[in-house]
Amino acid sequence: MSVQQLPASTVHVMLGDCSADDAKKVLGVLCGRFTADREQADETHESASGRPTVWTVLFDTSGDPGDTAGPVAELSGQPTVEAQGGPLATRRLREALGAAFTVHELGTEAGDQEVQMKLRLDSGAAHETRPV
């Protein structure tokens, strides 16, 4: 069995602990900035089983990020974002989130060529990164 290596510009994002509406807002920000393996118009929806829902998307952060014109609607909760990818790619993703939301750092692990981070997002007037 062979494992396919993803490009260094790719970030795997898992979004959870939130409503489908909040997921749509967060993914809308990221899809507006980066190329994704999903269409920006894809509707987010929760599973009918009542179990927690996690949304996953692969983002390519290479190239010039798109414009994030327009205000972002307030989040109703505090979604968590888990991201895994190269150092530059994860930094660009975090910066894009920080431009739209207040970012609380829950944890980061860095290896030789990969970074894993867990963030909690919040609506707020001051968009900054805060350790928790």
N, C-alpha and C. Protein backbone atom coordinates (compact mmCIF):
# COMPACT_ATOMS: atom_id res chain seq x y z
N MET A 1 0.84 -1.17 0.00
CA MET A 1 0.00 0.00 0.00
C MET A 1 0.89 1.24 0.00
N SER A 2 0.60 2.21 -0.85
CA SER A 2 1.39 3.43 -0.89
C SER A 2 0.56 4.58 -0.31
N VAL A 3 1.25 5.48 0.35
CA VAL A 3 0.62 6.65 0.93
C VAL A 3 0.96 7.84 0.06
N GLN A 4 -0.05 8.57 -0.37
CA GLN A 4 0.18 9.74 -1.22
C GLN A 4 0.53 10.93 -0.35
N GLN A 5 1.65 11.57 -0.66
CA GLN A 5 2.10 12.75 0.06
C GLN A 5 1.36 13.98 -0.48
N LEU A 6 0.76 14.76 0.39
CA LEU A 6 0.09 15.98 -0.02
C LEU A 6 1.12 17.09 -0.19
N PRO A 7 0.87 18.05 -1.08
CA PRO A 7 1.79 19.18 -1.24
C PRO A 7 1.93 19.96 0.07
N ALA A 8 3.07 20.61 0.24
CA ALA A 8 3.34 21.38 1.47
C ALA A 8 2.36 22.53 1.66
N SER A 9 1.71 22.97 0.60
CA SER A 9 0.77 24.08 0.70
C SER A 9 -0.63 23.63 1.13
N THR A 10 -0.84 22.34 1.29
CA THR A 10 -2.16 21.80 1.64
C THR A 10 -2.34 21.73 3.15
N VAL A 11 -3.52 22.15 3.61
CA VAL A 11 -3.89 22.04 5.01
C VAL A 11 -5.18 21.25 5.11
N HIS A 12 -5.18 20.24 5.95
CA HIS A 12 -6.39 19.47 6.23
C HIS A 12 -7.07 20.11 7.43
N VAL A 13 -8.32 20.54 7.26
CA VAL A 13 -9.05 21.25 8.30
C VAL A 13 -10.25 20.42 8.73
N MET A 14 -10.40 20.28 10.04
CA MET A 14 -11.58 19.65 10.63
C MET A 14 -12.25 20.68 11.52
N LEU A 15 -13.50 20.93 11.26
CA LEU A 15 -14.27 21.95 11.97
C LEU A 15 -15.38 21.27 12.75
N GLY A 16 -15.48 21.55 14.04
CA GLY A 16 -16.50 20.90 14.85
C GLY A 16 -16.95 21.78 16.00
N ASP A 17 -17.75 21.19 16.87
CA ASP A 17 -18.31 21.89 18.04
C ASP A 17 -19.09 23.14 17.64
N CYS A 18 -19.84 23.01 16.53
CA CYS A 18 -20.59 24.18 16.08
C CYS A 18 -21.81 23.75 15.26
N SER A 19 -22.67 24.73 15.04
CA SER A 19 -23.85 24.50 14.22
C SER A 19 -23.46 24.51 12.74
N ALA A 20 -24.36 24.03 11.92
CA ALA A 20 -24.13 24.06 10.47
C ALA A 20 -24.00 25.50 9.99
N ASP A 21 -24.73 26.42 10.60
CA ASP A 21 -24.66 27.83 10.22
C ASP A 21 -23.28 28.41 10.52
N ASP A 22 -22.74 28.11 11.72
CA ASP A 22 -21.40 28.60 12.05
C ASP A 22 -20.35 27.95 11.15
N ALA A 23 -20.52 26.67 10.84
CA ALA A 23 -19.59 25.99 9.94
C ALA A 23 -19.60 26.68 8.58
N LYS A 24 -20.76 27.05 8.10
CA LYS A 24 -20.88 27.73 6.82
C LYS A 24 -20.14 29.06 6.84
N LYS A 25 -20.22 29.80 7.95
CA LYS A 25 -19.54 31.09 8.07
C LYS A 25 -18.01 30.91 8.06
N VAL A 26 -17.53 29.96 8.84
CA VAL A 26 -16.08 29.73 8.92
C VAL A 26 -15.55 29.21 7.58
N LEU A 27 -16.21 28.22 7.02
CA LEU A 27 -15.75 27.66 5.75
C LEU A 27 -15.88 28.69 4.62
N GLY A 28 -16.87 29.55 4.71
CA GLY A 28 -17.02 30.62 3.72
C GLY A 28 -15.83 31.56 3.71
N VAL A 29 -15.32 31.89 4.91
CA VAL A 29 -14.13 32.74 5.02
C VAL A 29 -12.94 32.04 4.36
N LEU A 30 -12.73 30.78 4.70
CA LEU A 30 -11.58 30.05 4.18
C LEU A 30 -11.70 29.76 2.69
N CYS A 31 -12.90 29.42 2.23
CA CYS A 31 -13.10 29.16 0.79
C CYS A 31 -12.96 30.44 -0.02
N GLY A 32 -13.20 31.58 0.61
CA GLY A 32 -13.01 32.87 -0.06
C GLY A 32 -11.55 33.24 -0.21
N ARG A 33 -10.69 32.63 0.59
CA ARG A 33 -9.26 32.95 0.56
C ARG A 33 -8.43 31.90 -0.18
N PHE A 34 -8.82 30.63 -0.07
CA PHE A 34 -7.99 29.55 -0.58
C PHE A 34 -8.80 28.61 -1.47
N THR A 35 -8.09 27.86 -2.29
CA THR A 35 -8.71 26.83 -3.10
C THR A 35 -9.03 25.66 -2.19
N ALA A 36 -10.22 25.09 -2.33
CA ALA A 36 -10.66 23.98 -1.48
C ALA A 36 -11.07 22.79 -2.31
N ASP A 37 -11.18 21.65 -1.65
CA ASP A 37 -11.65 20.45 -2.35
C ASP A 37 -13.17 20.38 -2.34
N ARG A 38 -13.82 21.46 -2.00
CA ARG A 38 -15.28 21.57 -2.03
C ARG A 38 -15.65 22.89 -2.66
N GLU A 39 -16.85 22.98 -3.14
CA GLU A 39 -17.34 24.22 -3.73
C GLU A 39 -17.79 25.16 -2.63
N GLN A 40 -17.55 26.46 -2.81
CA GLN A 40 -17.95 27.44 -1.80
C GLN A 40 -19.47 27.41 -1.60
N ALA A 41 -20.21 27.06 -2.63
CA ALA A 41 -21.67 27.03 -2.54
C ALA A 41 -22.21 25.76 -1.88
N ASP A 42 -21.33 24.78 -1.59
CA ASP A 42 -21.79 23.55 -0.93
C ASP A 42 -22.47 23.90 0.38
N GLU A 43 -23.62 23.33 0.60
CA GLU A 43 -24.35 23.58 1.84
C GLU A 43 -23.82 22.72 2.97
N THR A 44 -23.65 23.33 4.12
CA THR A 44 -23.30 22.57 5.31
C THR A 44 -24.59 22.08 5.94
N HIS A 45 -24.58 20.88 6.45
CA HIS A 45 -25.75 20.36 7.13
C HIS A 45 -25.30 19.40 8.22
N GLU A 46 -26.13 19.26 9.22
CA GLU A 46 -25.80 18.39 10.34
C GLU A 46 -26.37 17.00 10.08
N SER A 47 -25.75 16.01 10.70
CA SER A 47 -26.25 14.65 10.55
C SER A 47 -27.61 14.54 11.24
N ALA A 48 -28.47 13.71 10.70
CA ALA A 48 -29.81 13.55 11.25
C ALA A 48 -29.82 12.69 12.51
N SER A 49 -28.71 12.03 12.78
CA SER A 49 -28.66 11.08 13.90
C SER A 49 -28.55 11.76 15.26
N GLY A 50 -28.29 13.06 15.29
CA GLY A 50 -28.11 13.75 16.55
C GLY A 50 -26.69 13.65 17.09
N ARG A 51 -25.83 12.94 16.37
CA ARG A 51 -24.42 12.85 16.77
C ARG A 51 -23.70 14.14 16.40
N PRO A 52 -22.57 14.41 17.06
CA PRO A 52 -21.81 15.60 16.67
C PRO A 52 -21.36 15.50 15.21
N THR A 53 -21.36 16.63 14.55
CA THR A 53 -20.97 16.68 13.15
C THR A 53 -19.61 17.36 13.04
N VAL A 54 -18.74 16.82 12.19
CA VAL A 54 -17.45 17.42 11.90
C VAL A 54 -17.37 17.63 10.40
N TRP A 55 -16.97 18.83 10.01
CA TRP A 55 -16.81 19.15 8.60
C TRP A 55 -15.32 19.12 8.29
N THR A 56 -14.95 18.45 7.20
CA THR A 56 -13.54 18.37 6.82
C THR A 56 -13.36 18.92 5.41
N VAL A 57 -12.27 19.67 5.24
CA VAL A 57 -11.97 20.28 3.95
C VAL A 57 -10.45 20.31 3.79
N LEU A 58 -9.97 20.09 2.58
CA LEU A 58 -8.57 20.29 2.24
C LEU A 58 -8.44 21.64 1.56
N PHE A 59 -7.53 22.48 2.04
CA PHE A 59 -7.29 23.79 1.44
C PHE A 59 -5.89 23.84 0.86
N ASP A 60 -5.78 24.45 -0.31
CA ASP A 60 -4.48 24.71 -0.92
C ASP A 60 -4.18 26.18 -0.69
N THR A 61 -3.17 26.46 0.12
CA THR A 61 -2.85 27.82 0.51
C THR A 61 -1.80 28.46 -0.37
N SER A 62 -1.40 27.79 -1.46
CA SER A 62 -0.39 28.37 -2.35
C SER A 62 -1.02 29.50 -3.16
N GLY A 63 -0.19 30.32 -3.71
CA GLY A 63 -0.69 31.43 -4.53
C GLY A 63 -1.18 32.57 -3.67
N ASP A 64 -1.70 33.58 -4.34
CA ASP A 64 -2.20 34.75 -3.64
C ASP A 64 -3.56 34.44 -3.04
N PRO A 65 -3.73 34.72 -1.73
CA PRO A 65 -5.04 34.49 -1.13
C PRO A 65 -6.07 35.42 -1.74
N GLY A 66 -7.28 34.93 -1.83
CA GLY A 66 -8.37 35.74 -2.35
C GLY A 66 -8.72 36.87 -1.40
N ASP A 67 -9.55 37.75 -1.83
CA ASP A 67 -9.98 38.88 -1.03
C ASP A 67 -11.08 38.44 -0.07
N THR A 68 -11.04 38.96 1.15
CA THR A 68 -12.07 38.62 2.13
C THR A 68 -13.04 39.79 2.30
N ALA A 69 -13.38 40.43 1.20
CA ALA A 69 -14.25 41.60 1.25
C ALA A 69 -15.59 41.25 1.88
N GLY A 70 -16.12 42.21 2.62
CA GLY A 70 -17.43 42.04 3.23
C GLY A 70 -17.32 41.56 4.66
N PRO A 71 -18.26 41.98 5.48
CA PRO A 71 -18.24 41.59 6.89
C PRO A 71 -18.63 40.12 7.08
N VAL A 72 -18.11 39.53 8.12
CA VAL A 72 -18.45 38.16 8.48
C VAL A 72 -19.53 38.23 9.55
N ALA A 73 -20.58 37.46 9.38
CA ALA A 73 -21.66 37.44 10.36
C ALA A 73 -21.15 36.87 11.68
N GLU A 74 -21.76 37.29 12.77
CA GLU A 74 -21.38 36.82 14.10
C GLU A 74 -21.61 35.31 14.22
N LEU A 75 -20.70 34.66 14.92
CA LEU A 75 -20.86 33.24 15.22
C LEU A 75 -21.81 33.09 16.39
N SER A 76 -22.62 32.05 16.38
CA SER A 76 -23.53 31.81 17.51
C SER A 76 -22.85 31.01 18.61
N GLY A 77 -21.74 30.36 18.28
CA GLY A 77 -21.00 29.56 19.25
C GLY A 77 -19.51 29.79 19.12
N GLN A 78 -18.74 28.82 19.60
CA GLN A 78 -17.29 28.89 19.53
C GLN A 78 -16.76 27.63 18.85
N PRO A 79 -16.74 27.61 17.52
CA PRO A 79 -16.29 26.43 16.79
C PRO A 79 -14.82 26.11 17.08
N THR A 80 -14.49 24.83 16.99
CA THR A 80 -13.08 24.44 17.08
C THR A 80 -12.60 24.07 15.68
N VAL A 81 -11.36 24.42 15.43
CA VAL A 81 -10.71 24.13 14.15
C VAL A 81 -9.45 23.34 14.46
N GLU A 82 -9.35 22.17 13.86
CA GLU A 82 -8.11 21.40 13.93
C GLU A 82 -7.53 21.42 12.54
N ALA A 83 -6.26 21.82 12.45
CA ALA A 83 -5.61 21.94 11.15
C ALA A 83 -4.28 21.19 11.17
N GLN A 84 -3.97 20.57 10.04
CA GLN A 84 -2.74 19.81 9.92
C GLN A 84 -2.15 20.08 8.55
N GLY A 85 -0.89 20.49 8.52
CA GLY A 85 -0.22 20.76 7.26
C GLY A 85 1.16 21.33 7.48
N GLY A 86 1.76 21.81 6.42
CA GLY A 86 3.09 22.41 6.49
C GLY A 86 3.06 23.69 7.31
N PRO A 87 4.22 24.10 7.83
CA PRO A 87 4.28 25.29 8.68
C PRO A 87 3.76 26.56 8.01
N LEU A 88 4.18 26.83 6.78
CA LEU A 88 3.71 28.02 6.08
C LEU A 88 2.22 27.94 5.79
N ALA A 89 1.77 26.79 5.37
CA ALA A 89 0.35 26.61 5.03
C ALA A 89 -0.54 26.80 6.25
N THR A 90 -0.16 26.23 7.38
CA THR A 90 -0.99 26.38 8.59
C THR A 90 -0.94 27.82 9.10
N ARG A 91 0.21 28.49 8.94
CA ARG A 91 0.29 29.89 9.35
C ARG A 91 -0.63 30.75 8.51
N ARG A 92 -0.66 30.51 7.20
CA ARG A 92 -1.54 31.29 6.32
C ARG A 92 -3.02 31.05 6.66
N LEU A 93 -3.35 29.81 6.97
CA LEU A 93 -4.72 29.49 7.36
C LEU A 93 -5.09 30.22 8.65
N ARG A 94 -4.20 30.18 9.62
CA ARG A 94 -4.44 30.85 10.90
C ARG A 94 -4.60 32.35 10.72
N GLU A 95 -3.79 32.95 9.86
CA GLU A 95 -3.90 34.38 9.58
C GLU A 95 -5.25 34.72 8.96
N ALA A 96 -5.72 33.87 8.04
CA ALA A 96 -7.03 34.10 7.41
C ALA A 96 -8.14 34.04 8.45
N LEU A 97 -8.05 33.07 9.36
CA LEU A 97 -9.06 32.98 10.43
C LEU A 97 -8.98 34.18 11.35
N GLY A 98 -7.75 34.62 11.66
CA GLY A 98 -7.55 35.76 12.55
C GLY A 98 -8.05 37.08 11.97
N ALA A 99 -8.14 37.17 10.65
CA ALA A 99 -8.66 38.37 10.01
C ALA A 99 -10.18 38.47 10.15
N ALA A 100 -10.83 37.35 10.42
CA ALA A 100 -12.29 37.33 10.48
C ALA A 100 -12.84 37.07 11.89
N PHE A 101 -12.07 36.38 12.71
CA PHE A 101 -12.55 35.97 14.03
C PHE A 101 -11.45 36.16 15.07
N THR A 102 -11.83 36.14 16.34
CA THR A 102 -10.85 36.06 17.40
C THR A 102 -10.44 34.60 17.51
N VAL A 103 -9.14 34.35 17.52
CA VAL A 103 -8.61 32.99 17.52
C VAL A 103 -7.98 32.70 18.89
N HIS A 104 -8.45 31.63 19.51
CA HIS A 104 -7.88 31.17 20.78
C HIS A 104 -7.10 29.91 20.51
N GLU A 105 -5.82 29.92 20.83
CA GLU A 105 -4.97 28.75 20.60
C GLU A 105 -5.15 27.74 21.72
N LEU A 106 -5.60 26.54 21.36
CA LEU A 106 -5.80 25.48 22.34
C LEU A 106 -4.60 24.54 22.40
N GLY A 107 -3.80 24.51 21.35
CA GLY A 107 -2.62 23.66 21.33
C GLY A 107 -2.01 23.59 19.95
N THR A 108 -0.68 23.43 19.92
CA THR A 108 0.05 23.31 18.67
C THR A 108 1.17 22.30 18.87
N GLU A 109 1.33 21.43 17.89
CA GLU A 109 2.44 20.49 17.86
C GLU A 109 3.14 20.65 16.52
N ALA A 110 4.46 20.84 16.58
CA ALA A 110 5.22 21.01 15.35
C ALA A 110 6.23 19.89 15.21
N GLY A 111 6.25 19.31 14.03
CA GLY A 111 7.24 18.29 13.69
C GLY A 111 8.22 18.85 12.68
N ASP A 112 8.96 17.97 12.04
CA ASP A 112 9.94 18.42 11.05
C ASP A 112 9.29 19.16 9.88
N GLN A 113 8.22 18.59 9.36
CA GLN A 113 7.62 19.15 8.16
C GLN A 113 6.12 19.34 8.27
N GLU A 114 5.59 19.23 9.48
CA GLU A 114 4.15 19.32 9.64
C GLU A 114 3.80 19.97 10.97
N VAL A 115 2.71 20.71 10.96
CA VAL A 115 2.20 21.36 12.16
C VAL A 115 0.77 20.90 12.37
N GLN A 116 0.44 20.57 13.60
CA GLN A 116 -0.94 20.30 13.98
C GLN A 116 -1.33 21.37 14.99
N MET A 117 -2.49 21.99 14.78
CA MET A 117 -2.94 22.99 15.73
C MET A 117 -4.43 22.84 15.98
N LYS A 118 -4.81 23.22 17.18
CA LYS A 118 -6.22 23.23 17.55
C LYS A 118 -6.55 24.64 18.01
N LEU A 119 -7.59 25.20 17.40
CA LEU A 119 -8.00 26.57 17.66
C LEU A 119 -9.47 26.61 18.02
N ARG A 120 -9.85 27.62 18.78
CA ARG A 120 -11.26 27.90 19.04
C ARG A 120 -11.53 29.30 18.51
N LEU A 121 -12.61 29.44 17.76
CA LEU A 121 -12.95 30.73 17.16
C LEU A 121 -14.06 31.39 17.94
N ASP A 122 -14.03 32.70 17.91
CA ASP A 122 -15.01 33.49 18.63
C ASP A 122 -15.27 34.75 17.82
N SER A 123 -16.48 35.25 17.85
CA SER A 123 -16.75 36.55 17.26
C SER A 123 -16.30 37.59 18.27
N GLY A 124 -15.78 38.66 17.79
CA GLY A 124 -15.35 39.71 18.70
C GLY A 124 -14.83 40.90 17.92
N ALA A 125 -14.79 42.03 18.60
CA ALA A 125 -14.33 43.24 17.95
C ALA A 125 -12.84 43.20 17.65
N ALA A 126 -12.06 42.66 18.58
CA ALA A 126 -10.61 42.58 18.38
C ALA A 126 -10.27 41.18 17.88
N HIS A 127 -9.81 41.09 16.67
CA HIS A 127 -9.44 39.79 16.09
C HIS A 127 -7.97 39.56 16.37
N GLU A 128 -7.69 38.73 17.32
CA GLU A 128 -6.31 38.47 17.70
C GLU A 128 -6.18 37.01 18.09
N THR A 129 -4.94 36.58 18.20
CA THR A 129 -4.67 35.23 18.64
C THR A 129 -4.36 35.26 20.12
N ARG A 130 -5.04 34.41 20.86
CA ARG A 130 -4.83 34.36 22.30
C ARG A 130 -4.56 32.93 22.73
N PRO A 131 -3.51 32.71 23.53
CA PRO A 131 -3.32 31.37 24.08
C PRO A 131 -4.39 31.11 25.14
N VAL A 132 -4.77 29.88 25.30
CA VAL A 132 -5.77 29.52 26.32
C VAL A 132 -5.10 28.68 27.37
